């Protein structure tokens, strides 16, 4: 029997707050020692819109 996986928690981030979230992602990427390209990619991750 296969049981489908369902997410149990969602977080809604207001559009106006997404740049701040992107900066948070970028700082975390820098702390992990990622290169500048990966840091930039982390920054833009928060700008994607999932609907």
PDB file of N, CA and C in Angstrom:
ATOM      1  N   UNK A   1       0.834  -1.171   0.000  1.00  0.00           N
ATOM      2  CA  UNK A   1       0.000   0.000   0.000  1.00  0.00           C
ATOM      3  C   UNK A   1       0.883   1.240   0.000  1.00  0.00           C
ATOM      4  N   UNK A   2       0.606   2.171  -0.894  1.00  0.00           N
ATOM      5  CA  UNK A   2       1.369   3.412  -0.983  1.00  0.00           C
ATOM      6  C   UNK A   2       0.581   4.535  -0.325  1.00  0.00           C
ATOM      7  N   UNK A   3       1.267   5.247   0.553  1.00  0.00           N
ATOM      8  CA  UNK A   3       0.633   6.379   1.234  1.00  0.00           C
ATOM      9  C   UNK A   3       1.231   7.660   0.673  1.00  0.00           C
ATOM     10  N   UNK A   4       0.395   8.551   0.123  1.00  0.00           N
ATOM     11  CA  UNK A   4       0.942   9.804  -0.413  1.00  0.00           C
ATOM     12  C   UNK A   4       1.447  10.698   0.706  1.00  0.00           C
ATOM     13  N   UNK A   5       2.514  11.419   0.422  1.00  0.00           N
ATOM     14  CA  UNK A   5       3.065  12.351   1.395  1.00  0.00           C
ATOM     15  C   UNK A   5       2.376  13.701   1.226  1.00  0.00           C
ATOM     16  N   UNK A   6       2.006  14.286   2.314  1.00  0.00           N
ATOM     17  CA  UNK A   6       1.355  15.593   2.301  1.00  0.00           C
ATOM     18  C   UNK A   6       2.107  16.530   3.228  1.00  0.00           C
ATOM     19  N   UNK A   7       2.417  17.728   2.768  1.00  0.00           N
ATOM     20  CA  UNK A   7       3.058  18.683   3.671  1.00  0.00           C
ATOM     21  C   UNK A   7       2.097  19.028   4.807  1.00  0.00           C
ATOM     22  N   UNK A   8       2.633  19.232   5.967  1.00  0.00           N
ATOM     23  CA  UNK A   8       1.776  19.493   7.108  1.00  0.00           C
ATOM     24  C   UNK A   8       1.848  20.936   7.588  1.00  0.00           C
ATOM     25  N   UNK A   9       2.730  21.721   6.997  1.00  0.00           N
ATOM     26  CA  UNK A   9       2.877  23.092   7.450  1.00  0.00           C
ATOM     27  C   UNK A   9       3.252  23.996   6.284  1.00  0.00           C
ATOM     28  N   UNK A  10       2.609  25.134   6.203  1.00  0.00           N
ATOM     29  CA  UNK A  10       2.906  26.126   5.183  1.00  0.00           C
ATOM     30  C   UNK A  10       3.256  27.441   5.855  1.00  0.00           C
ATOM     31  N   UNK A  11       4.129  28.180   5.248  1.00  0.00           N
ATOM     32  CA  UNK A  11       4.481  29.503   5.742  1.00  0.00           C
ATOM     33  C   UNK A  11       4.161  30.497   4.634  1.00  0.00           C
ATOM     34  N   UNK A  12       3.394  31.499   4.980  1.00  0.00           N
ATOM     35  CA  UNK A  12       3.041  32.537   4.019  1.00  0.00           C
ATOM     36  C   UNK A  12       3.908  33.766   4.291  1.00  0.00           C
ATOM     37  N   UNK A  13       4.599  34.231   3.251  1.00  0.00           N
ATOM     38  CA  UNK A  13       5.452  35.413   3.377  1.00  0.00           C
ATOM     39  C   UNK A  13       4.865  36.497   2.484  1.00  0.00           C
ATOM     40  N   UNK A  14       4.569  37.642   3.094  1.00  0.00           N
ATOM     41  CA  UNK A  14       4.008  38.752   2.338  1.00  0.00           C
ATOM     42  C   UNK A  14       4.980  39.192   1.246  1.00  0.00           C
ATOM     43  N   UNK A  15       4.435  39.625   0.135  1.00  0.00           N
ATOM     44  CA  UNK A  15       5.256  40.053  -0.995  1.00  0.00           C
ATOM     45  C   UNK A  15       6.258  41.127  -0.590  1.00  0.00           C
ATOM     46  N   UNK A  16       5.836  42.044   0.235  1.00  0.00           N
ATOM     47  CA  UNK A  16       6.718  43.140   0.670  1.00  0.00           C
ATOM     48  C   UNK A  16       7.866  42.643   1.541  1.00  0.00           C
ATOM     49  N   UNK A  17       7.725  41.476   2.150  1.00  0.00           N
ATOM     50  CA  UNK A  17       8.758  40.938   3.031  1.00  0.00           C
ATOM     51  C   UNK A  17       9.720  39.977   2.333  1.00  0.00           C
ATOM     52  N   UNK A  18       9.445  39.641   1.095  1.00  0.00           N
ATOM     53  CA  UNK A  18      10.296  38.679   0.389  1.00  0.00           C
ATOM     54  C   UNK A  18      11.733  39.157   0.180  1.00  0.00           C
ATOM     55  N   UNK A  19      11.976  40.445  -0.086  1.00  0.00           N
ATOM     56  CA  UNK A  19      13.380  40.875  -0.183  1.00  0.00           C
ATOM     57  C   UNK A  19      14.160  40.648   1.120  1.00  0.00           C
ATOM     58  N   UNK A  20      13.524  40.880   2.250  1.00  0.00           N
ATOM     59  CA  UNK A  20      14.191  40.647   3.538  1.00  0.00           C
ATOM     60  C   UNK A  20      14.474  39.163   3.733  1.00  0.00           C
ATOM     61  N   UNK A  21      13.541  38.319   3.319  1.00  0.00           N
ATOM     62  CA  UNK A  21      13.759  36.876   3.401  1.00  0.00           C
ATOM     63  C   UNK A  21      14.901  36.458   2.482  1.00  0.00           C
ATOM     64  N   UNK A  22      14.967  37.064   1.304  1.00  0.00           N
ATOM     65  CA  UNK A  22      16.060  36.776   0.373  1.00  0.00           C
ATOM     66  C   UNK A  22      17.413  37.141   0.963  1.00  0.00           C
ATOM     67  N   UNK A  23      17.483  38.267   1.671  1.00  0.00           N
ATOM     68  CA  UNK A  23      18.742  38.659   2.330  1.00  0.00           C
ATOM     69  C   UNK A  23      19.109  37.662   3.422  1.00  0.00           C
ATOM     70  N   UNK A  24      18.118  37.179   4.136  1.00  0.00           N
ATOM     71  CA  UNK A  24      18.367  36.164   5.160  1.00  0.00           C
ATOM     72  C   UNK A  24      18.930  34.894   4.534  1.00  0.00           C
ATOM     73  N   UNK A  25      18.336  34.461   3.419  1.00  0.00           N
ATOM     74  CA  UNK A  25      18.845  33.288   2.699  1.00  0.00           C
ATOM     75  C   UNK A  25      20.277  33.527   2.223  1.00  0.00           C
ATOM     76  N   UNK A  26      20.554  34.735   1.717  1.00  0.00           N
ATOM     77  CA  UNK A  26      21.894  35.051   1.207  1.00  0.00           C
ATOM     78  C   UNK A  26      22.924  35.028   2.341  1.00  0.00           C
ATOM     79  N   UNK A  27      22.584  35.594   3.483  1.00  0.00           N
ATOM     80  CA  UNK A  27      23.525  35.571   4.618  1.00  0.00           C
ATOM     81  C   UNK A  27      23.803  34.149   5.076  1.00  0.00           C
ATOM     82  N   UNK A  28      22.765  33.321   5.079  1.00  0.00           N
ATOM     83  CA  UNK A  28      22.959  31.921   5.463  1.00  0.00           C
ATOM     84  C   UNK A  28      23.875  31.210   4.462  1.00  0.00           C
ATOM     85  N   UNK A  29      23.713  31.512   3.186  1.00  0.00           N
ATOM     86  CA  UNK A  29      24.572  30.911   2.160  1.00  0.00           C
ATOM     87  C   UNK A  29      26.020  31.358   2.334  1.00  0.00           C
ATOM     88  N   UNK A  30      26.221  32.634   2.661  1.00  0.00           N
ATOM     89  CA  UNK A  30      27.581  33.138   2.893  1.00  0.00           C
ATOM     90  C   UNK A  30      28.214  32.445   4.091  1.00  0.00           C
ATOM     91  N   UNK A  31      27.444  32.273   5.147  1.00  0.00           N
ATOM     92  CA  UNK A  31      27.970  31.604   6.349  1.00  0.00           C
ATOM     93  C   UNK A  31      28.357  30.164   6.080  1.00  0.00           C
ATOM     94  N   UNK A  32      27.658  29.548   5.126  1.00  0.00           N
ATOM     95  CA  UNK A  32      27.995  28.164   4.761  1.00  0.00           C
ATOM     96  C   UNK A  32      29.197  28.103   3.837  1.00  0.00           C
ATOM     97  N   UNK A  33      29.691  29.285   3.396  1.00  0.00           N
ATOM     98  CA  UNK A  33      30.883  29.318   2.556  1.00  0.00           C
ATOM     99  C   UNK A  33      30.609  29.116   1.080  1.00  0.00           C
ATOM    100  N   UNK A  34      29.379  29.348   0.641  1.00  0.00           N
ATOM    101  CA  UNK A  34      29.062  29.183  -0.770  1.00  0.00           C
ATOM    102  C   UNK A  34      29.652  30.332  -1.581  1.00  0.00           C
ATOM    103  N   UNK A  35      29.866  30.095  -2.872  1.00  0.00           N
ATOM    104  CA  UNK A  35      30.446  31.146  -3.720  1.00  0.00           C
ATOM    105  C   UNK A  35      29.395  32.206  -4.060  1.00  0.00           C
ATOM    106  N   UNK A  36      29.838  33.288  -4.698  1.00  0.00           N
ATOM    107  CA  UNK A  36      28.960  34.432  -4.975  1.00  0.00           C
ATOM    108  C   UNK A  36      27.759  34.073  -5.843  1.00  0.00           C
ATOM    109  N   UNK A  37      27.936  33.159  -6.781  1.00  0.00           N
ATOM    110  CA  UNK A  37      26.830  32.749  -7.646  1.00  0.00           C
ATOM    111  C   UNK A  37      25.754  32.042  -6.832  1.00  0.00           C
ATOM    112  N   UNK A  38      26.179  31.178  -5.934  1.00  0.00           N
ATOM    113  CA  UNK A  38      25.224  30.446  -5.099  1.00  0.00           C
ATOM    114  C   UNK A  38      24.545  31.374  -4.090  1.00  0.00           C
ATOM    115  N   UNK A  39      25.273  32.371  -3.603  1.00  0.00           N
ATOM    116  CA  UNK A  39      24.689  33.352  -2.687  1.00  0.00           C
ATOM    117  C   UNK A  39      23.608  34.146  -3.422  1.00  0.00           C
ATOM    118  N   UNK A  40      23.887  34.551  -4.649  1.00  0.00           N
ATOM    119  CA  UNK A  40      22.899  35.289  -5.445  1.00  0.00           C
ATOM    120  C   UNK A  40      21.671  34.421  -5.718  1.00  0.00           C
ATOM    121  N   UNK A  41      21.885  33.154  -5.988  1.00  0.00           N
ATOM    122  CA  UNK A  41      20.758  32.243  -6.224  1.00  0.00           C
ATOM    123  C   UNK A  41      19.911  32.102  -4.963  1.00  0.00           C
ATOM    124  N   UNK A  42      20.557  32.021  -3.816  1.00  0.00           N
ATOM    125  CA  UNK A  42      19.822  31.928  -2.555  1.00  0.00           C
ATOM    126  C   UNK A  42      18.991  33.189  -2.330  1.00  0.00           C
ATOM    127  N   UNK A  43      19.550  34.336  -2.683  1.00  0.00           N
ATOM    128  CA  UNK A  43      18.848  35.611  -2.508  1.00  0.00           C
ATOM    129  C   UNK A  43      17.564  35.652  -3.355  1.00  0.00           C
ATOM    130  N   UNK A  44      17.619  35.123  -4.575  1.00  0.00           N
ATOM    131  CA  UNK A  44      16.456  35.190  -5.464  1.00  0.00           C
ATOM    132  C   UNK A  44      15.424  34.100  -5.170  1.00  0.00           C
ATOM    133  N   UNK A  45      15.789  33.116  -4.377  1.00  0.00           N
ATOM    134  CA  UNK A  45      14.853  32.044  -4.047  1.00  0.00           C
ATOM    135  C   UNK A  45      13.584  32.581  -3.397  1.00  0.00           C
ATOM    136  N   UNK A  46      13.716  33.584  -2.555  1.00  0.00           N
ATOM    137  CA  UNK A  46      12.549  34.131  -1.852  1.00  0.00           C
ATOM    138  C   UNK A  46      11.629  34.903  -2.781  1.00  0.00           C
ATOM    139  N   UNK A  47      12.094  35.259  -3.962  1.00  0.00           N
ATOM    140  CA  UNK A  47      11.260  36.033  -4.888  1.00  0.00           C
ATOM    141  C   UNK A  47      10.339  35.152  -5.730  1.00  0.00           C
ATOM    142  N   UNK A  48      10.589  33.852  -5.724  1.00  0.00           N
ATOM    143  CA  UNK A  48       9.729  32.950  -6.488  1.00  0.00           C
ATOM    144  C   UNK A  48       8.358  32.893  -5.859  1.00  0.00           C
ATOM    145  N   UNK A  49       7.378  32.704  -6.669  1.00  0.00           N
ATOM    146  CA  UNK A  49       6.002  32.665  -6.185  1.00  0.00           C
ATOM    147  C   UNK A  49       5.446  31.262  -6.422  1.00  0.00           C
ATOM    148  N   UNK A  50       5.111  30.574  -5.361  1.00  0.00           N
ATOM    149  CA  UNK A  50       4.542  29.237  -5.484  1.00  0.00           C
ATOM    150  C   UNK A  50       3.039  29.348  -5.297  1.00  0.00           C
ATOM    151  N   UNK A  51       2.299  28.961  -6.301  1.00  0.00           N
ATOM    152  CA  UNK A  51       0.835  28.975  -6.200  1.00  0.00           C
ATOM    153  C   UNK A  51       0.274  27.723  -6.777  1.00  0.00           C
TER     154      UNK A  51
END
